[in-house]
Amino acid sequence: MSSVKRTADVLERTFYLTRIRSMEIRAYMVQIAAMVGIGFFFSLLQGATFKPFYLPMSYFSYVVLIMLTAMCFESFFFTMLEIRSQDSDSARYFTAKKASKNALKIMVIALIVIALFANPAAESTWEGVMEESHTIEMVNSTASFEFSSLDRFGITESTVEINPTTYTGNYTVYVFDKERYHSGISYTLKRYSIEAEAPNSVSIYPPDSGTYNEYVVVIKGNGSGEFSYTIHRGIISGYTLYTALFLSAIALSEAWWFVYLQKIIKKYGTELVSESAESEL
């Protein structure tokens, strides 16, 4: 009778564990679907377009990090349910051991991402790497190039520095909206213009900050020569800070979870040693 009862108890626990794991997978799937849906919704609110291609990812990444933080705490909950539903100390020990390894991995990954991307020093380094420098030559006293206010994913914003290299004399820089620009356009349709004299440089800022727009820059002079221009890309305000905060929350929660699991591992590890010693006797 006791054997039958024990078998029934094992089957019940196995069924319960299967249900817990199934619930955990379903919860993660629902959250991943919600994460993608909400993320794209915010991208649309930020002005996502197919032509020109522009998919802002700043709010999308915030949604992903918030959901990942929530999933960390859900993982704690489901792991504890699983540990309490195990039918032996060895199963509880190995479940806690596996969970502690996963917590350590996630914590290390979060800290590595913070070190590589989400801090002021890394931000300055990446901004330097993303700079673009080009040289253009005047043809019929005119030179032109294009740039956008933000990158295609809305993470960096642009400013442009124009320097006359071999050109001498006065020159004027005109900024036009790309969608309205065409050959022979009237200069009265410019967004703005700046007059300068070589060798002085000119800095251009997008007329519409915070939104994605494409511009054509026309340099008008009275001779020939070369200009160089550098597109400086700076990470949008607050992005590094918020990313670092969310990643720090994940790292700290996983660190706490790792420490908490060590107590469980020690408890059931000690009991396993005791049981092993008793069985040998």
C-alpha atoms as a PDB file:
ATOM      1  CA  MET A   1       0.000   0.000   0.000  1.00  0.00           C
ATOM      2  CA  SER A   2       2.801   2.403   0.903  1.00  0.00           C
ATOM      3  CA  SER A   3       4.532   1.587  -2.391  1.00  0.00           C
ATOM      4  CA  VAL A   4       1.382   2.421  -4.337  1.00  0.00           C
ATOM      5  CA  LYS A   5       0.971   5.642  -2.380  1.00  0.00           C
ATOM      6  CA  ARG A   6       4.574   6.606  -3.034  1.00  0.00           C
ATOM      7  CA  THR A   7       4.183   5.892  -6.752  1.00  0.00           C
ATOM      8  CA  ALA A   8       1.040   8.025  -6.857  1.00  0.00           C
ATOM      9  CA  ASP A   9       2.850  10.805  -4.997  1.00  0.00           C
ATOM     10  CA  VAL A  10       5.771  10.703  -7.457  1.00  0.00           C
ATOM     11  CA  LEU A  11       3.383  10.820 -10.428  1.00  0.00           C
ATOM     12  CA  GLU A  12       1.531  13.754  -8.874  1.00  0.00           C
ATOM     13  CA  ARG A  13       4.752  15.673  -8.274  1.00  0.00           C
ATOM     14  CA  THR A  14       5.971  14.916 -11.814  1.00  0.00           C
ATOM     15  CA  PHE A  15       2.669  16.161 -13.245  1.00  0.00           C
ATOM     16  CA  TYR A  16       2.868  19.276 -11.076  1.00  0.00           C
ATOM     17  CA  LEU A  17       6.462  19.967 -12.179  1.00  0.00           C
ATOM     18  CA  THR A  18       5.471  19.545 -15.820  1.00  0.00           C
ATOM     19  CA  ARG A  19       2.660  22.044 -15.328  1.00  0.00           C
ATOM     20  CA  ILE A  20       5.002  24.543 -13.665  1.00  0.00           C
ATOM     21  CA  ARG A  21       7.491  24.332 -16.552  1.00  0.00           C
ATOM     22  CA  SER A  22       4.674  24.585 -19.097  1.00  0.00           C
ATOM     23  CA  MET A  23       3.287  27.670 -17.322  1.00  0.00           C
ATOM     24  CA  GLU A  24       6.758  29.221 -17.252  1.00  0.00           C
ATOM     25  CA  ILE A  25       7.266  28.694 -21.010  1.00  0.00           C
ATOM     26  CA  ARG A  26       3.807  30.090 -21.785  1.00  0.00           C
ATOM     27  CA  ALA A  27       4.414  33.126 -19.597  1.00  0.00           C
ATOM     28  CA  TYR A  28       7.727  33.829 -21.368  1.00  0.00           C
ATOM     29  CA  MET A  29       6.139  33.402 -24.813  1.00  0.00           C
ATOM     30  CA  VAL A  30       3.333  35.831 -23.943  1.00  0.00           C
ATOM     31  CA  GLN A  31       5.836  38.359 -22.602  1.00  0.00           C
ATOM     32  CA  ILE A  32       8.105  38.052 -25.644  1.00  0.00           C
ATOM     33  CA  ALA A  33       5.123  38.618 -27.945  1.00  0.00           C
ATOM     34  CA  ALA A  34       4.014  41.597 -25.820  1.00  0.00           C
ATOM     35  CA  MET A  35       7.584  42.931 -25.769  1.00  0.00           C
ATOM     36  CA  VAL A  36       7.847  42.860 -29.572  1.00  0.00           C
ATOM     37  CA  GLY A  37       4.344  44.297 -30.054  1.00  0.00           C
ATOM     38  CA  ILE A  38       4.742  47.130 -27.544  1.00  0.00           C
ATOM     39  CA  GLY A  39       8.248  47.851 -28.828  1.00  0.00           C
ATOM     40  CA  PHE A  40       7.080  48.235 -32.434  1.00  0.00           C
ATOM     41  CA  PHE A  41       4.131  50.322 -31.251  1.00  0.00           C
ATOM     42  CA  PHE A  42       6.533  52.796 -29.641  1.00  0.00           C
ATOM     43  CA  SER A  43       8.666  52.742 -32.795  1.00  0.00           C
ATOM     44  CA  LEU A  44       5.603  53.761 -34.808  1.00  0.00           C
ATOM     45  CA  LEU A  45       4.879  56.550 -32.324  1.00  0.00           C
ATOM     46  CA  GLN A  46       8.439  57.779 -32.846  1.00  0.00           C
ATOM     47  CA  GLY A  47       7.878  58.021 -36.588  1.00  0.00           C
ATOM     48  CA  ALA A  48       9.009  54.691 -38.053  1.00  0.00           C
ATOM     49  CA  THR A  49       8.803  54.637 -41.866  1.00  0.00           C
ATOM     50  CA  PHE A  50       9.687  52.202 -44.667  1.00  0.00           C
ATOM     51  CA  LYS A  51      10.658  54.870 -47.182  1.00  0.00           C
ATOM     52  CA  PRO A  52      13.026  56.235 -46.153  1.00  0.00           C
ATOM     53  CA  PHE A  53      13.787  53.316 -43.861  1.00  0.00           C
ATOM     54  CA  TYR A  54      13.717  54.490 -40.258  1.00  0.00           C
ATOM     55  CA  LEU A  55      13.076  52.206 -37.282  1.00  0.00           C
ATOM     56  CA  PRO A  56      13.704  54.027 -33.984  1.00  0.00           C
ATOM     57  CA  MET A  57      14.878  51.538 -31.393  1.00  0.00           C
ATOM     58  CA  SER A  58      15.431  53.644 -28.268  1.00  0.00           C
ATOM     59  CA  TYR A  59      11.984  53.084 -26.696  1.00  0.00           C
ATOM     60  CA  PHE A  60      11.956  49.562 -28.147  1.00  0.00           C
ATOM     61  CA  SER A  61      15.145  48.749 -26.230  1.00  0.00           C
ATOM     62  CA  TYR A  62      13.675  50.260 -23.037  1.00  0.00           C
ATOM     63  CA  VAL A  63      10.638  47.970 -23.392  1.00  0.00           C
ATOM     64  CA  VAL A  64      12.937  44.977 -23.928  1.00  0.00           C
ATOM     65  CA  LEU A  65      14.992  45.801 -20.823  1.00  0.00           C
ATOM     66  CA  ILE A  66      11.885  46.353 -18.674  1.00  0.00           C
ATOM     67  CA  MET A  67      10.426  43.029 -19.829  1.00  0.00           C
ATOM     68  CA  LEU A  68      13.731  41.235 -19.210  1.00  0.00           C
ATOM     69  CA  THR A  69      13.793  42.641 -15.671  1.00  0.00           C
ATOM     70  CA  ALA A  70      10.250  41.357 -15.108  1.00  0.00           C
ATOM     71  CA  MET A  71      11.200  37.966 -16.564  1.00  0.00           C
ATOM     72  CA  CYS A  72      14.105  37.748 -14.111  1.00  0.00           C
ATOM     73  CA  PHE A  73      11.710  38.002 -11.183  1.00  0.00           C
ATOM     74  CA  GLU A  74       9.333  35.527 -12.821  1.00  0.00           C
ATOM     75  CA  SER A  75      12.244  33.130 -13.142  1.00  0.00           C
ATOM     76  CA  PHE A  76      12.861  33.448  -9.384  1.00  0.00           C
ATOM     77  CA  PHE A  77       9.204  32.620  -8.697  1.00  0.00           C
ATOM     78  CA  PHE A  78       9.028  29.590 -10.988  1.00  0.00           C
ATOM     79  CA  THR A  79      12.375  28.239  -9.765  1.00  0.00           C
ATOM     80  CA  MET A  80      11.195  28.370  -6.154  1.00  0.00           C
ATOM     81  CA  LEU A  81       7.968  26.593  -7.112  1.00  0.00           C
ATOM     82  CA  GLU A  82      10.011  23.924  -8.861  1.00  0.00           C
ATOM     83  CA  ILE A  83      12.357  23.473  -5.894  1.00  0.00           C
ATOM     84  CA  ARG A  84       9.461  23.108  -3.446  1.00  0.00           C
ATOM     85  CA  SER A  85       7.740  20.589  -5.724  1.00  0.00           C
ATOM     86  CA  GLN A  86      10.756  18.291  -6.089  1.00  0.00           C
ATOM     87  CA  ASP A  87      10.473  14.883  -4.398  1.00  0.00           C
ATOM     88  CA  SER A  88      14.092  14.607  -3.262  1.00  0.00           C
ATOM     89  CA  ASP A  89      16.875  16.710  -1.817  1.00  0.00           C
ATOM     90  CA  SER A  90      19.164  15.821  -4.732  1.00  0.00           C
ATOM     91  CA  ALA A  91      16.630  17.170  -7.245  1.00  0.00           C
ATOM     92  CA  ARG A  92      16.250  20.368  -5.210  1.00  0.00           C
ATOM     93  CA  TYR A  93      20.032  20.711  -4.975  1.00  0.00           C
ATOM     94  CA  PHE A  94      20.629  20.345  -8.715  1.00  0.00           C
ATOM     95  CA  THR A  95      17.712  22.642  -9.616  1.00  0.00           C
ATOM     96  CA  ALA A  96      19.131  25.366  -7.350  1.00  0.00           C
ATOM     97  CA  LYS A  97      22.641  24.730  -8.701  1.00  0.00           C
ATOM     98  CA  LYS A  98      21.467  25.134 -12.308  1.00  0.00           C
ATOM     99  CA  ALA A  99      19.517  28.298 -11.461  1.00  0.00           C
ATOM    100  CA  SER A 100      22.556  29.813  -9.691  1.00  0.00           C
ATOM    101  CA  LYS A 101      24.746  29.201 -12.762  1.00  0.00           C
ATOM    102  CA  ASN A 102      22.154  30.907 -14.988  1.00  0.00           C
ATOM    103  CA  ALA A 103      21.928  33.850 -12.573  1.00  0.00           C
ATOM    104  CA  LEU A 104      25.707  34.247 -12.617  1.00  0.00           C
ATOM    105  CA  LYS A 105      25.800  34.152 -16.433  1.00  0.00           C
ATOM    106  CA  ILE A 106      23.062  36.790 -16.771  1.00  0.00           C
ATOM    107  CA  MET A 107      24.728  39.032 -14.176  1.00  0.00           C
ATOM    108  CA  VAL A 108      28.105  38.823 -15.964  1.00  0.00           C
ATOM    109  CA  ILE A 109      26.529  39.521 -19.377  1.00  0.00           C
ATOM    110  CA  ALA A 110      24.693  42.584 -17.997  1.00  0.00           C
ATOM    111  CA  LEU A 111      27.912  43.926 -16.445  1.00  0.00           C
ATOM    112  CA  ILE A 112      29.864  43.343 -19.675  1.00  0.00           C
ATOM    113  CA  VAL A 113      27.242  45.240 -21.713  1.00  0.00           C
ATOM    114  CA  ILE A 114      27.382  48.123 -19.193  1.00  0.00           C
ATOM    115  CA  ALA A 115      31.194  48.176 -19.425  1.00  0.00           C
ATOM    116  CA  LEU A 116      31.244  48.090 -23.233  1.00  0.00           C
ATOM    117  CA  PHE A 117      28.300  50.337 -24.088  1.00  0.00           C
ATOM    118  CA  ALA A 118      26.370  51.886 -21.213  1.00  0.00           C
ATOM    119  CA  ASN A 119      28.759  54.298 -19.479  1.00  0.00           C
ATOM    120  CA  PRO A 120      30.165  57.778 -20.284  1.00  0.00           C
ATOM    121  CA  ALA A 121      33.646  56.496 -21.220  1.00  0.00           C
ATOM    122  CA  ALA A 122      32.252  53.895 -23.624  1.00  0.00           C
ATOM    123  CA  GLU A 123      29.820  56.467 -25.019  1.00  0.00           C
ATOM    124  CA  SER A 124      32.692  58.807 -25.929  1.00  0.00           C
ATOM    125  CA  THR A 125      34.627  55.947 -27.514  1.00  0.00           C
ATOM    126  CA  TRP A 126      31.677  54.806 -29.647  1.00  0.00           C
ATOM    127  CA  GLU A 127      30.932  58.366 -30.718  1.00  0.00           C
ATOM    128  CA  GLY A 128      34.521  58.667 -31.945  1.00  0.00           C
ATOM    129  CA  VAL A 129      34.275  55.364 -33.832  1.00  0.00           C
ATOM    130  CA  MET A 130      31.039  56.441 -35.550  1.00  0.00           C
ATOM    131  CA  GLU A 131      32.433  59.691 -36.951  1.00  0.00           C
ATOM    132  CA  GLU A 132      32.474  59.951 -40.739  1.00  0.00           C
ATOM    133  CA  SER A 133      34.925  62.160 -42.642  1.00  0.00           C
ATOM    134  CA  HIS A 134      34.686  62.900 -46.378  1.00  0.00           C
ATOM    135  CA  THR A 135      36.213  65.209 -48.971  1.00  0.00           C
ATOM    136  CA  ILE A 136      34.234  66.966 -51.722  1.00  0.00           C
ATOM    137  CA  GLU A 137      35.395  69.150 -54.593  1.00  0.00           C
ATOM    138  CA  MET A 138      33.658  72.211 -55.965  1.00  0.00           C
ATOM    139  CA  VAL A 139      32.268  71.883 -59.482  1.00  0.00           C
ATOM    140  CA  ASN A 140      31.068  75.120 -61.106  1.00  0.00           C
ATOM    141  CA  SER A 141      31.590  76.851 -57.742  1.00  0.00           C
ATOM    142  CA  THR A 142      29.207  74.392 -56.028  1.00  0.00           C
ATOM    143  CA  ALA A 143      29.613  71.284 -53.864  1.00  0.00           C
ATOM    144  CA  SER A 144      26.953  69.250 -52.066  1.00  0.00           C
ATOM    145  CA  PHE A 145      26.418  66.270 -49.798  1.00  0.00           C
ATOM    146  CA  GLU A 146      23.637  64.660 -47.738  1.00  0.00           C
ATOM    147  CA  PHE A 147      23.175  63.784 -44.092  1.00  0.00           C
ATOM    148  CA  SER A 148      20.357  62.809 -41.730  1.00  0.00           C
ATOM    149  CA  SER A 149      19.423  64.209 -38.338  1.00  0.00           C
ATOM    150  CA  LEU A 150      19.423  60.731 -36.729  1.00  0.00           C
ATOM    151  CA  ASP A 151      20.757  57.332 -37.712  1.00  0.00           C
ATOM    152  CA  ARG A 152      18.357  54.735 -39.149  1.00  0.00           C
ATOM    153  CA  PHE A 153      17.617  53.366 -35.671  1.00  0.00           C
ATOM    154  CA  GLY A 154      17.272  56.656 -33.833  1.00  0.00           C
ATOM    155  CA  ILE A 155      20.111  56.017 -31.388  1.00  0.00           C
ATOM    156  CA  THR A 156      22.545  58.732 -32.508  1.00  0.00           C
ATOM    157  CA  GLU A 157      21.988  62.314 -33.635  1.00  0.00           C
ATOM    158  CA  SER A 158      24.199  64.128 -36.136  1.00  0.00           C
ATOM    159  CA  THR A 159      26.031  67.406 -36.394  1.00  0.00           C
ATOM    160  CA  VAL A 160      28.270  68.339 -39.321  1.00  0.00           C
ATOM    161  CA  GLU A 161      31.509  70.303 -39.401  1.00  0.00           C
ATOM    162  CA  ILE A 162      32.618  71.738 -42.771  1.00  0.00           C
ATOM    163  CA  ASN A 163      36.220  72.816 -43.338  1.00  0.00           C
ATOM    164  CA  PRO A 164      37.693  74.411 -46.481  1.00  0.00           C
ATOM    165  CA  THR A 165      40.918  72.549 -47.267  1.00  0.00           C
ATOM    166  CA  THR A 166      42.181  73.953 -50.593  1.00  0.00           C
ATOM    167  CA  TYR A 167      39.359  76.448 -51.169  1.00  0.00           C
ATOM    168  CA  THR A 168      40.037  80.125 -50.503  1.00  0.00           C
ATOM    169  CA  GLY A 169      37.613  83.027 -50.282  1.00  0.00           C
ATOM    170  CA  ASN A 170      34.042  83.494 -49.121  1.00  0.00           C
ATOM    171  CA  TYR A 171      31.460  80.718 -49.233  1.00  0.00           C
ATOM    172  CA  THR A 172      27.866  80.122 -48.162  1.00  0.00           C
ATOM    173  CA  VAL A 173      26.401  76.889 -46.797  1.00  0.00           C
ATOM    174  CA  TYR A 174      22.721  76.178 -47.558  1.00  0.00           C
ATOM    175  CA  VAL A 175      20.672  73.448 -45.857  1.00  0.00           C
ATOM    176  CA  PHE A 176      17.641  72.014 -47.719  1.00  0.00           C
ATOM    177  CA  ASP A 177      15.106  69.310 -46.945  1.00  0.00           C
ATOM    178  CA  LYS A 178      16.045  66.353 -49.150  1.00  0.00           C
ATOM    179  CA  GLU A 179      12.440  65.589 -50.138  1.00  0.00           C
ATOM    180  CA  ARG A 180      12.044  69.113 -51.541  1.00  0.00           C
ATOM    181  CA  TYR A 181      15.495  69.480 -53.062  1.00  0.00           C
ATOM    182  CA  HIS A 182      16.050  69.265 -56.822  1.00  0.00           C
ATOM    183  CA  SER A 183      18.551  70.588 -59.325  1.00  0.00           C
ATOM    184  CA  GLY A 184      17.986  74.285 -59.915  1.00  0.00           C
ATOM    185  CA  ILE A 185      15.996  74.783 -56.692  1.00  0.00           C
ATOM    186  CA  SER A 186      15.612  78.364 -55.530  1.00  0.00           C
ATOM    187  CA  TYR A 187      17.894  79.203 -52.622  1.00  0.00           C
ATOM    188  CA  THR A 188      14.942  80.951 -50.975  1.00  0.00           C
ATOM    189  CA  LEU A 189      13.574  77.461 -50.164  1.00  0.00           C
ATOM    190  CA  LYS A 190      16.509  76.683 -47.896  1.00  0.00           C
ATOM    191  CA  ARG A 191      15.946  75.776 -44.267  1.00  0.00           C
ATOM    192  CA  TYR A 192      18.779  78.088 -43.289  1.00  0.00           C
ATOM    193  CA  SER A 193      22.152  79.305 -44.523  1.00  0.00           C
ATOM    194  CA  ILE A 194      25.512  80.279 -43.034  1.00  0.00           C
ATOM    195  CA  GLU A 195      28.100  82.601 -44.572  1.00  0.00           C
ATOM    196  CA  ALA A 196      31.795  82.130 -43.861  1.00  0.00           C
ATOM    197  CA  GLU A 197      35.249  82.853 -45.176  1.00  0.00           C
ATOM    198  CA  ALA A 198      38.054  80.326 -45.588  1.00  0.00           C
ATOM    199  CA  PRO A 199      39.860  79.003 -43.636  1.00  0.00           C
ATOM    200  CA  ASN A 200      37.042  79.310 -41.060  1.00  0.00           C
ATOM    201  CA  SER A 201      34.903  76.204 -40.556  1.00  0.00           C
ATOM    202  CA  VAL A 202      31.104  75.939 -40.315  1.00  0.00           C
ATOM    203  CA  SER A 203      29.076  73.743 -37.981  1.00  0.00           C
ATOM    204  CA  ILE A 204      25.637  72.551 -39.088  1.00  0.00           C
ATOM    205  CA  TYR A 205      22.899  71.373 -36.755  1.00  0.00           C
ATOM    206  CA  PRO A 206      19.719  69.625 -37.984  1.00  0.00           C
ATOM    207  CA  PRO A 207      16.797  72.093 -38.111  1.00  0.00           C
ATOM    208  CA  ASP A 208      14.469  69.426 -36.679  1.00  0.00           C
ATOM    209  CA  SER A 209      16.137  67.847 -33.646  1.00  0.00           C
ATOM    210  CA  GLY A 210      14.690  64.668 -32.166  1.00  0.00           C
ATOM    211  CA  THR A 211      13.011  63.513 -35.392  1.00  0.00           C
ATOM    212  CA  TYR A 212      14.399  61.725 -38.430  1.00  0.00           C
ATOM    213  CA  ASN A 213      14.896  63.996 -41.430  1.00  0.00           C
ATOM    214  CA  GLU A 214      17.227  63.912 -44.412  1.00  0.00           C
ATOM    215  CA  TYR A 215      18.980  67.045 -45.666  1.00  0.00           C
ATOM    216  CA  VAL A 216      21.016  68.207 -48.636  1.00  0.00           C
ATOM    217  CA  VAL A 217      23.849  70.617 -47.879  1.00  0.00           C
ATOM    218  CA  VAL A 218      24.964  72.891 -50.732  1.00  0.00           C
ATOM    219  CA  ILE A 219      28.208  74.859 -50.508  1.00  0.00           C
ATOM    220  CA  LYS A 220      28.253  77.865 -52.837  1.00  0.00           C
ATOM    221  CA  GLY A 221      31.498  79.720 -53.530  1.00  0.00           C
ATOM    222  CA  ASN A 222      33.240  81.764 -56.187  1.00  0.00           C
ATOM    223  CA  GLY A 223      35.919  79.422 -57.410  1.00  0.00           C
ATOM    224  CA  SER A 224      37.246  75.896 -57.129  1.00  0.00           C
ATOM    225  CA  GLY A 225      38.806  73.877 -54.355  1.00  0.00           C
ATOM    226  CA  GLU A 226      38.110  71.129 -51.873  1.00  0.00           C
ATOM    227  CA  PHE A 227      36.142  70.971 -48.655  1.00  0.00           C
ATOM    228  CA  SER A 228      36.186  68.300 -45.993  1.00  0.00           C
ATOM    229  CA  TYR A 229      33.190  67.560 -43.828  1.00  0.00           C
ATOM    230  CA  THR A 230      32.867  65.420 -40.737  1.00  0.00           C
ATOM    231  CA  ILE A 231      29.586  63.964 -39.483  1.00  0.00           C
ATOM    232  CA  HIS A 232      29.734  63.736 -35.706  1.00  0.00           C
ATOM    233  CA  ARG A 233      27.316  61.238 -34.187  1.00  0.00           C
ATOM    234  CA  GLY A 234      26.338  61.626 -30.553  1.00  0.00           C
ATOM    235  CA  ILE A 235      24.190  59.144 -28.643  1.00  0.00           C
ATOM    236  CA  ILE A 236      20.765  60.680 -27.931  1.00  0.00           C
ATOM    237  CA  SER A 237      20.275  62.351 -24.573  1.00  0.00           C
ATOM    238  CA  GLY A 238      19.459  59.976 -21.711  1.00  0.00           C
ATOM    239  CA  TYR A 239      19.855  56.734 -23.686  1.00  0.00           C
ATOM    240  CA  THR A 240      23.086  55.632 -22.022  1.00  0.00           C
ATOM    241  CA  LEU A 241      21.778  56.537 -18.551  1.00  0.00           C
ATOM    242  CA  TYR A 242      18.464  54.666 -18.869  1.00  0.00           C
ATOM    243  CA  THR A 243      20.119  51.633 -20.462  1.00  0.00           C
ATOM    244  CA  ALA A 244      22.681  51.510 -17.656  1.00  0.00           C
ATOM    245  CA  LEU A 245      19.935  51.795 -15.005  1.00  0.00           C
ATOM    246  CA  PHE A 246      17.884  48.924 -16.459  1.00  0.00           C
ATOM    247  CA  LEU A 247      20.952  46.714 -16.909  1.00  0.00           C
ATOM    248  CA  SER A 248      22.091  47.521 -13.367  1.00  0.00           C
ATOM    249  CA  ALA A 249      18.666  46.488 -12.064  1.00  0.00           C
ATOM    250  CA  ILE A 250      19.014  43.165 -13.886  1.00  0.00           C
ATOM    251  CA  ALA A 251      22.577  42.638 -12.629  1.00  0.00           C
ATOM    252  CA  LEU A 252      21.675  43.478  -9.013  1.00  0.00           C
ATOM    253  CA  SER A 253      18.568  41.274  -9.004  1.00  0.00           C
ATOM    254  CA  GLU A 254      20.561  38.358 -10.418  1.00  0.00           C
ATOM    255  CA  ALA A 255      23.342  38.962  -7.877  1.00  0.00           C
ATOM    256  CA  TRP A 256      20.771  38.847  -5.040  1.00  0.00           C
ATOM    257  CA  TRP A 257      19.216  35.713  -6.526  1.00  0.00           C
ATOM    258  CA  PHE A 258      22.639  34.060  -6.843  1.00  0.00           C
ATOM    259  CA  VAL A 259      23.440  34.760  -3.165  1.00  0.00           C
ATOM    260  CA  TYR A 260      19.994  33.539  -2.073  1.00  0.00           C
ATOM    261  CA  LEU A 261      20.405  30.301  -4.040  1.00  0.00           C
ATOM    262  CA  GLN A 262      23.729  29.609  -2.317  1.00  0.00           C
ATOM    263  CA  LYS A 263      21.808  29.151   0.952  1.00  0.00           C
ATOM    264  CA  ILE A 264      19.499  26.627  -0.691  1.00  0.00           C
ATOM    265  CA  ILE A 265      22.417  24.819  -2.326  1.00  0.00           C
ATOM    266  CA  LYS A 266      24.247  24.665   1.008  1.00  0.00           C
ATOM    267  CA  LYS A 267      21.132  23.416   2.828  1.00  0.00           C
ATOM    268  CA  TYR A 268      20.324  20.571   0.447  1.00  0.00           C
ATOM    269  CA  GLY A 269      23.986  19.832  -0.241  1.00  0.00           C
ATOM    270  CA  THR A 270      24.549  19.290   3.501  1.00  0.00           C
ATOM    271  CA  GLU A 271      21.479  17.051   3.725  1.00  0.00           C
ATOM    272  CA  LEU A 272      22.713  15.035   0.727  1.00  0.00           C
ATOM    273  CA  VAL A 273      26.079  14.468   2.414  1.00  0.00           C
ATOM    274  CA  SER A 274      24.302  13.393   5.625  1.00  0.00           C
ATOM    275  CA  GLU A 275      22.021  10.984   3.753  1.00  0.00           C
ATOM    276  CA  SER A 276      25.006   9.547   1.872  1.00  0.00           C
ATOM    277  CA  ALA A 277      26.925   9.015   5.109  1.00  0.00           C
ATOM    278  CA  GLU A 278      23.932   7.314   6.745  1.00  0.00           C
ATOM    279  CA  SER A 279      23.422   4.994   3.762  1.00  0.00           C
ATOM    280  CA  GLU A 280      27.071   3.931   3.909  1.00  0.00           C
ATOM    281  CA  LEU A 281      26.662   3.031   7.561  1.00  0.00           C
END
